[in-house]
Amino acid sequence: MFDRLPNTPNSDAVIAAAIGEELDRQKTQIELIASENIVSPDVMAAQGSVLTN
């Protein structure tokens, strides 16, 4: 799992759950909107979370 926010579950469980659900959604569903783009893991790591997408 993407673990760039290791303290989030301790400080805000609701946000941690939302980020986890978004990661699962991105892994299992396809985006059919031409303007949508999924960033590379390196860019995501640099920007901090799956919410970049």
PDB file of N, CA and C in Angstrom:
ATOM      1  N   MET A   1       0.830  -1.190   0.000  1.00  0.00           N
ATOM      2  CA  MET A   1       0.000   0.000   0.000  1.00  0.00           C
ATOM      3  C   MET A   1       0.868   1.244   0.000  1.00  0.00           C
ATOM      4  N   PHE A   2       0.327   2.290  -0.530  1.00  0.00           N
ATOM      5  CA  PHE A   2       0.992   3.580  -0.554  1.00  0.00           C
ATOM      6  C   PHE A   2       1.056   4.102   0.870  1.00  0.00           C
ATOM      7  N   ASP A   3       2.264   4.315   1.389  1.00  0.00           N
ATOM      8  CA  ASP A   3       2.403   4.710   2.785  1.00  0.00           C
ATOM      9  C   ASP A   3       3.257   5.963   2.911  1.00  0.00           C
ATOM     10  N   ARG A   4       2.825   7.033   2.289  1.00  0.00           N
ATOM     11  CA  ARG A   4       3.553   8.295   2.372  1.00  0.00           C
ATOM     12  C   ARG A   4       3.075   9.148   3.535  1.00  0.00           C
ATOM     13  N   LEU A   5       1.977   8.756   4.155  1.00  0.00           N
ATOM     14  CA  LEU A   5       1.426   9.512   5.278  1.00  0.00           C
ATOM     15  C   LEU A   5       1.290   8.588   6.485  1.00  0.00           C
ATOM     16  N   PRO A   6       2.420   8.092   7.008  1.00  0.00           N
ATOM     17  CA  PRO A   6       2.343   7.077   8.061  1.00  0.00           C
ATOM     18  C   PRO A   6       1.674   7.553   9.345  1.00  0.00           C
ATOM     19  N   ASN A   7       1.666   8.841   9.616  1.00  0.00           N
ATOM     20  CA  ASN A   7       1.053   9.337  10.851  1.00  0.00           C
ATOM     21  C   ASN A   7      -0.418   9.699  10.700  1.00  0.00           C
ATOM     22  N   THR A   8      -0.913   9.727   9.482  1.00  0.00           N
ATOM     23  CA  THR A   8      -2.301  10.131   9.261  1.00  0.00           C
ATOM     24  C   THR A   8      -3.304   9.252  10.010  1.00  0.00           C
ATOM     25  N   PRO A   9      -3.157   7.917  10.005  1.00  0.00           N
ATOM     26  CA  PRO A   9      -4.141   7.112  10.752  1.00  0.00           C
ATOM     27  C   PRO A   9      -4.203   7.481  12.236  1.00  0.00           C
ATOM     28  N   ASN A  10      -3.081   7.915  12.792  1.00  0.00           N
ATOM     29  CA  ASN A  10      -3.062   8.290  14.204  1.00  0.00           C
ATOM     30  C   ASN A  10      -3.667   9.667  14.440  1.00  0.00           C
ATOM     31  N   SER A  11      -3.490  10.572  13.488  1.00  0.00           N
ATOM     32  CA  SER A  11      -3.960  11.939  13.700  1.00  0.00           C
ATOM     33  C   SER A  11      -5.343  12.204  13.102  1.00  0.00           C
ATOM     34  N   ASP A  12      -5.694  11.498  12.035  1.00  0.00           N
ATOM     35  CA  ASP A  12      -7.005  11.717  11.410  1.00  0.00           C
ATOM     36  C   ASP A  12      -7.439  10.451  10.680  1.00  0.00           C
ATOM     37  N   ALA A  13      -8.144   9.610  11.383  1.00  0.00           N
ATOM     38  CA  ALA A  13      -8.561   8.320  10.828  1.00  0.00           C
ATOM     39  C   ALA A  13      -9.507   8.474   9.644  1.00  0.00           C
ATOM     40  N   VAL A  14     -10.326   9.514   9.629  1.00  0.00           N
ATOM     41  CA  VAL A  14     -11.270   9.725   8.526  1.00  0.00           C
ATOM     42  C   VAL A  14     -10.513  10.037   7.240  1.00  0.00           C
ATOM     43  N   ILE A  15      -9.522  10.921   7.314  1.00  0.00           N
ATOM     44  CA  ILE A  15      -8.713  11.258   6.138  1.00  0.00           C
ATOM     45  C   ILE A  15      -7.916  10.045   5.681  1.00  0.00           C
ATOM     46  N   ALA A  16      -7.334   9.306   6.613  1.00  0.00           N
ATOM     47  CA  ALA A  16      -6.575   8.103   6.257  1.00  0.00           C
ATOM     48  C   ALA A  16      -7.460   7.100   5.528  1.00  0.00           C
ATOM     49  N   ALA A  17      -8.687   6.922   5.995  1.00  0.00           N
ATOM     50  CA  ALA A  17      -9.616   5.993   5.338  1.00  0.00           C
ATOM     51  C   ALA A  17      -9.982   6.489   3.947  1.00  0.00           C
ATOM     52  N   ALA A  18     -10.213   7.788   3.810  1.00  0.00           N
ATOM     53  CA  ALA A  18     -10.566   8.351   2.497  1.00  0.00           C
ATOM     54  C   ALA A  18      -9.426   8.179   1.505  1.00  0.00           C
ATOM     55  N   ILE A  19      -8.194   8.392   1.953  1.00  0.00           N
ATOM     56  CA  ILE A  19      -7.034   8.216   1.076  1.00  0.00           C
ATOM     57  C   ILE A  19      -6.906   6.751   0.671  1.00  0.00           C
ATOM     58  N   GLY A  20      -7.094   5.845   1.610  1.00  0.00           N
ATOM     59  CA  GLY A  20      -7.033   4.418   1.298  1.00  0.00           C
ATOM     60  C   GLY A  20      -8.102   3.998   0.307  1.00  0.00           C
ATOM     61  N   GLU A  21      -9.310   4.517   0.480  1.00  0.00           N
ATOM     62  CA  GLU A  21     -10.399   4.203  -0.451  1.00  0.00           C
ATOM     63  C   GLU A  21     -10.118   4.765  -1.843  1.00  0.00           C
ATOM     64  N   GLU A  22      -9.551   5.955  -1.909  1.00  0.00           N
ATOM     65  CA  GLU A  22      -9.216   6.545  -3.212  1.00  0.00           C
ATOM     66  C   GLU A  22      -8.132   5.729  -3.904  1.00  0.00           C
ATOM     67  N   LEU A  23      -7.144   5.269  -3.162  1.00  0.00           N
ATOM     68  CA  LEU A  23      -6.100   4.428  -3.740  1.00  0.00           C
ATOM     69  C   LEU A  23      -6.707   3.146  -4.301  1.00  0.00           C
ATOM     70  N   ASP A  24      -7.588   2.511  -3.547  1.00  0.00           N
ATOM     71  CA  ASP A  24      -8.251   1.294  -4.028  1.00  0.00           C
ATOM     72  C   ASP A  24      -9.062   1.574  -5.294  1.00  0.00           C
ATOM     73  N   ARG A  25      -9.781   2.695  -5.316  1.00  0.00           N
ATOM     74  CA  ARG A  25     -10.580   3.053  -6.488  1.00  0.00           C
ATOM     75  C   ARG A  25      -9.694   3.230  -7.713  1.00  0.00           C
ATOM     76  N   GLN A  26      -8.556   3.913  -7.537  1.00  0.00           N
ATOM     77  CA  GLN A  26      -7.660   4.146  -8.664  1.00  0.00           C
ATOM     78  C   GLN A  26      -7.040   2.844  -9.172  1.00  0.00           C
ATOM     79  N   LYS A  27      -6.816   1.894  -8.278  1.00  0.00           N
ATOM     80  CA  LYS A  27      -6.225   0.614  -8.678  1.00  0.00           C
ATOM     81  C   LYS A  27      -7.216  -0.286  -9.406  1.00  0.00           C
ATOM     82  N   THR A  28      -8.509  -0.129  -9.121  1.00  0.00           N
ATOM     83  CA  THR A  28      -9.490  -1.088  -9.632  1.00  0.00           C
ATOM     84  C   THR A  28     -10.432  -0.551 -10.699  1.00  0.00           C
ATOM     85  N   GLN A  29     -10.419   0.746 -10.948  1.00  0.00           N
ATOM     86  CA  GLN A  29     -11.343   1.320 -11.922  1.00  0.00           C
ATOM     87  C   GLN A  29     -10.579   2.072 -13.002  1.00  0.00           C
ATOM     88  N   ILE A  30     -11.184   2.176 -14.149  1.00  0.00           N
ATOM     89  CA  ILE A  30     -10.572   2.878 -15.266  1.00  0.00           C
ATOM     90  C   ILE A  30     -11.201   4.267 -15.391  1.00  0.00           C
ATOM     91  N   GLU A  31     -10.387   5.248 -15.729  1.00  0.00           N
ATOM     92  CA  GLU A  31     -10.875   6.607 -15.964  1.00  0.00           C
ATOM     93  C   GLU A  31     -11.056   6.784 -17.468  1.00  0.00           C
ATOM     94  N   LEU A  32     -12.251   7.114 -17.894  1.00  0.00           N
ATOM     95  CA  LEU A  32     -12.527   7.277 -19.316  1.00  0.00           C
ATOM     96  C   LEU A  32     -12.674   8.742 -19.712  1.00  0.00           C
ATOM     97  N   ILE A  33     -12.220   9.630 -18.864  1.00  0.00           N
ATOM     98  CA  ILE A  33     -12.254  11.058 -19.155  1.00  0.00           C
ATOM     99  C   ILE A  33     -10.918  11.423 -19.794  1.00  0.00           C
ATOM    100  N   ALA A  34     -10.959  11.921 -21.019  1.00  0.00           N
ATOM    101  CA  ALA A  34      -9.721  12.186 -21.762  1.00  0.00           C
ATOM    102  C   ALA A  34      -8.786  13.145 -21.042  1.00  0.00           C
ATOM    103  N   SER A  35      -9.323  14.069 -20.292  1.00  0.00           N
ATOM    104  CA  SER A  35      -8.473  15.048 -19.618  1.00  0.00           C
ATOM    105  C   SER A  35      -7.860  14.523 -18.327  1.00  0.00           C
ATOM    106  N   GLU A  36      -8.294  13.369 -17.859  1.00  0.00           N
ATOM    107  CA  GLU A  36      -7.754  12.806 -16.628  1.00  0.00           C
ATOM    108  C   GLU A  36      -6.429  12.118 -16.916  1.00  0.00           C
ATOM    109  N   ASN A  37      -5.509  12.225 -15.980  1.00  0.00           N
ATOM    110  CA  ASN A  37      -4.200  11.623 -16.136  1.00  0.00           C
ATOM    111  C   ASN A  37      -3.750  11.086 -14.785  1.00  0.00           C
ATOM    112  N   ILE A  38      -3.252   9.872 -14.767  1.00  0.00           N
ATOM    113  CA  ILE A  38      -2.728   9.279 -13.544  1.00  0.00           C
ATOM    114  C   ILE A  38      -1.215   9.474 -13.550  1.00  0.00           C
ATOM    115  N   VAL A  39      -0.709  10.076 -12.499  1.00  0.00           N
ATOM    116  CA  VAL A  39       0.721  10.383 -12.440  1.00  0.00           C
ATOM    117  C   VAL A  39       1.535   9.138 -12.122  1.00  0.00           C
ATOM    118  N   SER A  40       2.820   9.214 -12.415  1.00  0.00           N
ATOM    119  CA  SER A  40       3.722   8.104 -12.112  1.00  0.00           C
ATOM    120  C   SER A  40       3.939   8.030 -10.600  1.00  0.00           C
ATOM    121  N   PRO A  41       4.351   6.862 -10.094  1.00  0.00           N
ATOM    122  CA  PRO A  41       4.618   6.738  -8.656  1.00  0.00           C
ATOM    123  C   PRO A  41       5.671   7.731  -8.153  1.00  0.00           C
ATOM    124  N   ASP A  42       6.679   8.035  -8.964  1.00  0.00           N
ATOM    125  CA  ASP A  42       7.713   8.985  -8.543  1.00  0.00           C
ATOM    126  C   ASP A  42       7.146  10.385  -8.344  1.00  0.00           C
ATOM    127  N   VAL A  43       6.280  10.811  -9.258  1.00  0.00           N
ATOM    128  CA  VAL A  43       5.654  12.132  -9.123  1.00  0.00           C
ATOM    129  C   VAL A  43       4.723  12.141  -7.918  1.00  0.00           C
ATOM    130  N   MET A  44       3.966  11.066  -7.740  1.00  0.00           N
ATOM    131  CA  MET A  44       3.059  10.987  -6.605  1.00  0.00           C
ATOM    132  C   MET A  44       3.836  11.067  -5.286  1.00  0.00           C
ATOM    133  N   ALA A  45       4.962  10.366  -5.220  1.00  0.00           N
ATOM    134  CA  ALA A  45       5.781  10.414  -4.010  1.00  0.00           C
ATOM    135  C   ALA A  45       6.290  11.825  -3.755  1.00  0.00           C
ATOM    136  N   ALA A  46       6.664  12.508  -4.823  1.00  0.00           N
ATOM    137  CA  ALA A  46       7.165  13.871  -4.681  1.00  0.00           C
ATOM    138  C   ALA A  46       6.073  14.821  -4.208  1.00  0.00           C
ATOM    139  N   GLN A  47       4.854  14.588  -4.627  1.00  0.00           N
ATOM    140  CA  GLN A  47       3.761  15.482  -4.257  1.00  0.00           C
ATOM    141  C   GLN A  47       3.040  15.055  -2.988  1.00  0.00           C
ATOM    142  N   GLY A  48       3.251  13.839  -2.548  1.00  0.00           N
ATOM    143  CA  GLY A  48       2.790  13.479  -1.222  1.00  0.00           C
ATOM    144  C   GLY A  48       1.659  12.498  -1.035  1.00  0.00           C
ATOM    145  N   SER A  49       0.743  12.344  -1.995  1.00  0.00           N
ATOM    146  CA  SER A  49      -0.345  11.401  -1.742  1.00  0.00           C
ATOM    147  C   SER A  49      -1.103  11.063  -3.017  1.00  0.00           C
ATOM    148  N   VAL A  50      -1.994  10.094  -2.916  1.00  0.00           N
ATOM    149  CA  VAL A  50      -2.808   9.693  -4.060  1.00  0.00           C
ATOM    150  C   VAL A  50      -3.830  10.747  -4.434  1.00  0.00           C
ATOM    151  N   LEU A  51      -4.019  11.736  -3.589  1.00  0.00           N
ATOM    152  CA  LEU A  51      -4.967  12.797  -3.905  1.00  0.00           C
ATOM    153  C   LEU A  51      -4.471  13.684  -5.036  1.00  0.00           C
ATOM    154  N   THR A  52      -3.202  13.522  -5.434  1.00  0.00           N
ATOM    155  CA  THR A  52      -2.659  14.232  -6.589  1.00  0.00           C
ATOM    156  C   THR A  52      -3.501  13.946  -7.824  1.00  0.00           C
ATOM    157  N   ASN A  53      -4.007  12.705  -7.924  1.00  0.00           N
ATOM    158  CA  ASN A  53      -4.806  12.317  -9.078  1.00  0.00           C
ATOM    159  C   ASN A  53      -6.174  12.942  -9.009  1.00  0.00           C
TER     160      ASN A  53
END
